[in-house]
C-alpha atoms as a PDB file:
ATOM      1  CA  MET A   1       0.000   0.000   0.000  1.00  0.00           C
ATOM      2  CA  THR A   2       1.281   3.467  -0.911  1.00  0.00           C
ATOM      3  CA  ASN A   3       1.762   6.257   1.547  1.00  0.00           C
ATOM      4  CA  PRO A   4      -1.284   8.596   1.271  1.00  0.00           C
ATOM      5  CA  LEU A   5       0.835  11.717   1.865  1.00  0.00           C
ATOM      6  CA  LYS A   6       3.260  10.766  -0.911  1.00  0.00           C
ATOM      7  CA  ARG A   7       0.341  10.045  -3.232  1.00  0.00           C
ATOM      8  CA  PHE A   8      -1.200  13.439  -2.393  1.00  0.00           C
ATOM      9  CA  VAL A   9       2.048  15.328  -3.064  1.00  0.00           C
ATOM     10  CA  GLU A  10       2.632  13.576  -6.393  1.00  0.00           C
ATOM     11  CA  ASP A  11      -0.971  14.078  -7.597  1.00  0.00           C
ATOM     12  CA  ILE A  12      -1.092  16.997 -10.066  1.00  0.00           C
ATOM     13  CA  THR A  13      -4.684  16.686 -11.294  1.00  0.00           C
ATOM     14  CA  GLY A  14      -5.913  19.687  -9.264  1.00  0.00           C
ATOM     15  CA  VAL A  15      -3.124  22.007 -10.393  1.00  0.00           C
ATOM     16  CA  THR A  16      -5.036  23.278 -13.422  1.00  0.00           C
ATOM     17  CA  THR A  17      -8.027  24.201 -11.280  1.00  0.00           C
ATOM     18  CA  VAL A  18      -5.815  26.132  -8.889  1.00  0.00           C
ATOM     19  CA  GLU A  19      -4.124  27.937 -11.777  1.00  0.00           C
ATOM     20  CA  TYR A  20      -7.485  28.964 -13.242  1.00  0.00           C
ATOM     21  CA  ALA A  21      -8.676  30.171  -9.847  1.00  0.00           C
ATOM     22  CA  LEU A  22      -5.537  32.273  -9.376  1.00  0.00           C
ATOM     23  CA  ALA A  23      -5.759  33.709 -12.886  1.00  0.00           C
ATOM     24  CA  GLY A  24      -9.424  34.552 -12.381  1.00  0.00           C
ATOM     25  CA  SER A  25      -8.793  36.276  -9.078  1.00  0.00           C
ATOM     26  CA  LEU A  26      -5.881  38.273 -10.508  1.00  0.00           C
ATOM     27  CA  LEU A  27      -8.026  39.352 -13.453  1.00  0.00           C
ATOM     28  CA  THR A  28     -10.805  40.405 -11.086  1.00  0.00           C
ATOM     29  CA  VAL A  29      -8.420  42.483  -8.985  1.00  0.00           C
ATOM     30  CA  ALA A  30      -6.934  44.111 -12.102  1.00  0.00           C
ATOM     31  CA  LEU A  31     -10.350  45.007 -13.544  1.00  0.00           C
ATOM     32  CA  LEU A  32     -11.584  46.353 -10.226  1.00  0.00           C
ATOM     33  CA  SER A  33      -8.434  48.453  -9.798  1.00  0.00           C
ATOM     34  CA  ALA A  34      -8.703  49.849 -13.321  1.00  0.00           C
ATOM     35  CA  PHE A  35     -12.369  50.675 -12.808  1.00  0.00           C
ATOM     36  CA  LEU A  36     -11.685  52.470  -9.536  1.00  0.00           C
ATOM     37  CA  LEU A  37      -8.780  54.436 -11.006  1.00  0.00           C
ATOM     38  CA  LEU A  38     -10.653  55.469 -14.144  1.00  0.00           C
ATOM     39  CA  SER A  39     -14.072  56.120 -12.630  1.00  0.00           C
ATOM     40  CA  GLY A  40     -13.201  59.645 -11.474  1.00  0.00           C
ATOM     41  CA  GLY A  41     -11.857  60.678 -14.869  1.00  0.00           C
ATOM     42  CA  ILE A  42     -14.856  59.252 -16.678  1.00  0.00           C
ATOM     43  CA  LYS A  43     -17.211  61.062 -14.288  1.00  0.00           C
ATOM     44  CA  PHE A  44     -15.580  64.413 -15.045  1.00  0.00           C
ATOM     45  CA  ALA A  45     -15.509  63.760 -18.785  1.00  0.00           C
ATOM     46  CA  ILE A  46     -19.230  62.965 -18.838  1.00  0.00           C
ATOM     47  CA  SER A  47     -19.926  66.038 -16.714  1.00  0.00           C
ATOM     48  CA  ASP A  48     -17.932  68.234 -19.126  1.00  0.00           C
ATOM     49  CA  ILE A  49     -19.783  66.802 -22.114  1.00  0.00           C
ATOM     50  CA  ALA A  50     -23.150  67.379 -20.426  1.00  0.00           C
ATOM     51  CA  SER A  51     -22.193  70.965 -19.607  1.00  0.00           C
ATOM     52  CA  ALA A  52     -21.092  71.608 -23.177  1.00  0.00           C
ATOM     53  CA  LEU A  53     -24.327  70.195 -24.584  1.00  0.00           C
ATOM     54  CA  SER A  54     -26.528  72.175 -22.223  1.00  0.00           C
ATOM     55  CA  GLY A  55     -24.617  75.410 -22.864  1.00  0.00           C
ATOM     56  CA  THR A  56     -23.711  76.097 -19.248  1.00  0.00           C
ATOM     57  CA  PRO A  57     -20.097  77.095 -18.631  1.00  0.00           C
END
């Protein structure tokens, strides 16, 4: 009978799942960071466009 710990360490079938989970979480953090950084600039740009269209300085 094989040692269960040795079998667990040598088993690589779950590695792909872990890699996908890490990649997904990194992508989520990157998108959230980009959204938070750009949201202020987009808000001001939309406000400027609305002011220009309404004719108020």
